C-alpha atoms as a PDB file:
ATOM      1  CA  MET A   1       8.946  -5.124  -0.235  1.00  0.00           C
ATOM      2  CA  LEU A   2       6.150  -6.878   0.369  1.00  0.00           C
ATOM      3  CA  ASN A   3       4.308  -3.694   1.883  1.00  0.00           C
ATOM      4  CA  LYS A   4       5.191  -1.847  -1.992  1.00  0.00           C
ATOM      5  CA  GLN A   5       3.500  -5.645  -3.830  1.00  0.00           C
ATOM      6  CA  PHE A   6       0.947  -5.677  -2.108  1.00  0.00           C
ATOM      7  CA  HIS A   7      -0.608  -2.424  -2.938  1.00  0.00           C
ATOM      8  CA  THR A   8       0.420  -2.531  -6.441  1.00  0.00           C
ATOM      9  CA  LYS A   9      -1.436  -6.005  -6.726  1.00  0.00           C
ATOM     10  CA  ILE A  10      -4.027  -3.772  -5.748  1.00  0.00           C
ATOM     11  CA  TYR A  11      -3.719  -0.933  -8.292  1.00  0.00           C
ATOM     12  CA  SER A  12      -3.215  -2.894 -11.227  1.00  0.00           C
ATOM     13  CA  TYR A  13      -6.565  -4.000 -10.578  1.00  0.00           C
ATOM     14  CA  SER A  14      -7.737  -0.518 -12.297  1.00  0.00           C
ATOM     15  CA  HIS A  15      -5.615  -1.901 -15.986  1.00  0.00           C
ATOM     16  CA  SER A  16      -4.889   1.935 -15.664  1.00  0.00           C
ATOM     17  CA  LYS A  17      -1.189   2.556 -16.722  1.00  0.00           C
ATOM     18  CA  PRO A  18      -1.737   6.595 -16.323  1.00  0.00           C
ATOM     19  CA  MET A  19      -2.707   6.236 -13.157  1.00  0.00           C
ATOM     20  CA  LEU A  20       0.085   3.004 -12.278  1.00  0.00           C
ATOM     21  CA  GLU A  21       2.630   5.347 -13.546  1.00  0.00           C
ATOM     22  CA  ILE A  22       1.297   8.437 -11.102  1.00  0.00           C
ATOM     23  CA  LEU A  23       1.941   6.203  -8.377  1.00  0.00           C
ATOM     24  CA  LYS A  24       4.914   4.168  -9.289  1.00  0.00           C
ATOM     25  CA  THR A  25       6.130   8.159  -8.985  1.00  0.00           C
ATOM     26  CA  VAL A  26       4.555   8.829  -5.786  1.00  0.00           C
ATOM     27  CA  TRP A  27       5.406   5.446  -3.953  1.00  0.00           C
ATOM     28  CA  GLY A  28       9.317   6.198  -4.639  1.00  0.00           C
ATOM     29  CA  ARG A  29       8.218   9.893  -2.810  1.00  0.00           C
ATOM     30  CA  VAL A  30       7.023   8.559   0.175  1.00  0.00           C
ATOM     31  CA  GLU A  31       8.732   5.173   0.469  1.00  0.00           C
ATOM     32  CA  PRO A  32      11.828   6.339   2.852  1.00  0.00           C
ATOM     33  CA  TYR A  33       9.550   8.212   5.251  1.00  0.00           C
ATOM     34  CA  MET A  34       7.351   5.154   5.151  1.00  0.00           C
ATOM     35  CA  ASN A  35      10.378   2.318   6.700  1.00  0.00           C
ATOM     36  CA  ILE A  36      10.637   5.676   8.815  1.00  0.00           C
ATOM     37  CA  TYR A  37       7.524   4.533  10.106  1.00  0.00           C
ATOM     38  CA  SER A  38       7.979   1.261  10.402  1.00  0.00           C
ATOM     39  CA  THR A  39      10.091   0.838  12.829  1.00  0.00           C
ATOM     40  CA  SER A  40       7.454   2.482  15.380  1.00  0.00           C
ATOM     41  CA  SER A  41       5.839   0.235  16.851  1.00  0.00           C
ATOM     42  CA  PHE A  42       2.430   1.682  17.231  1.00  0.00           C
ATOM     43  CA  TYR A  43       2.604   2.298  13.538  1.00  0.00           C
ATOM     44  CA  LEU A  44       3.537  -0.429  12.350  1.00  0.00           C
ATOM     45  CA  SER A  45       0.366  -2.356  14.254  1.00  0.00           C
ATOM     46  CA  LEU A  46      -1.830   0.471  12.679  1.00  0.00           C
ATOM     47  CA  SER A  47      -0.477  -0.213   9.213  1.00  0.00           C
ATOM     48  CA  GLN A  48      -1.565  -4.080   9.577  1.00  0.00           C
ATOM     49  CA  LYS A  49      -4.259  -3.540  10.967  1.00  0.00           C
ATOM     50  CA  GLU A  50      -5.030  -1.469   8.383  1.00  0.00           C
ATOM     51  CA  HIS A  51      -3.968  -3.878   5.501  1.00  0.00           C
ATOM     52  CA  HIS A  52      -5.774  -6.492   6.754  1.00  0.00           C
ATOM     53  CA  GLN A  53      -8.992  -4.662   6.219  1.00  0.00           C
ATOM     54  CA  MET A  54      -7.941  -3.760   2.898  1.00  0.00           C
ATOM     55  CA  ILE A  55      -7.835  -7.543   2.431  1.00  0.00           C
ATOM     56  CA  ASP A  56     -11.343  -7.723   4.143  1.00  0.00           C
ATOM     57  CA  TYR A  57     -12.588  -5.102   2.191  1.00  0.00           C
ATOM     58  CA  THR A  58     -11.517  -6.004  -1.290  1.00  0.00           C
ATOM     59  CA  ALA A  59     -12.595  -9.677  -0.335  1.00  0.00           C
ATOM     60  CA  LYS A  60     -16.153  -8.392   0.736  1.00  0.00           C
ATOM     61  CA  LYS A  61     -15.773  -6.391  -2.787  1.00  0.00           C
ATOM     62  CA  ASN A  62     -16.192  -2.684  -0.853  1.00  0.00           C
END
C-alpha cells in the first residue's frame, strides 16, 4: 500500500491524466507480482535501496 502511494505521488507531479490512467492500469496488473518479490529479502533490500535513490534524485531535482 505504501509503495503504491509513494509511486502515485511521484507520478502525480507529471499532471498528465492520460499517463496516470495508463499507470493505474499497469499497476493493477503488476502489483500481485511485486508482492511476490517483496517476500524475498534480497529483492526487498534492493527495492528499499532504489526507493531511497528515487527520494534523493527527487530532492536534487534530477
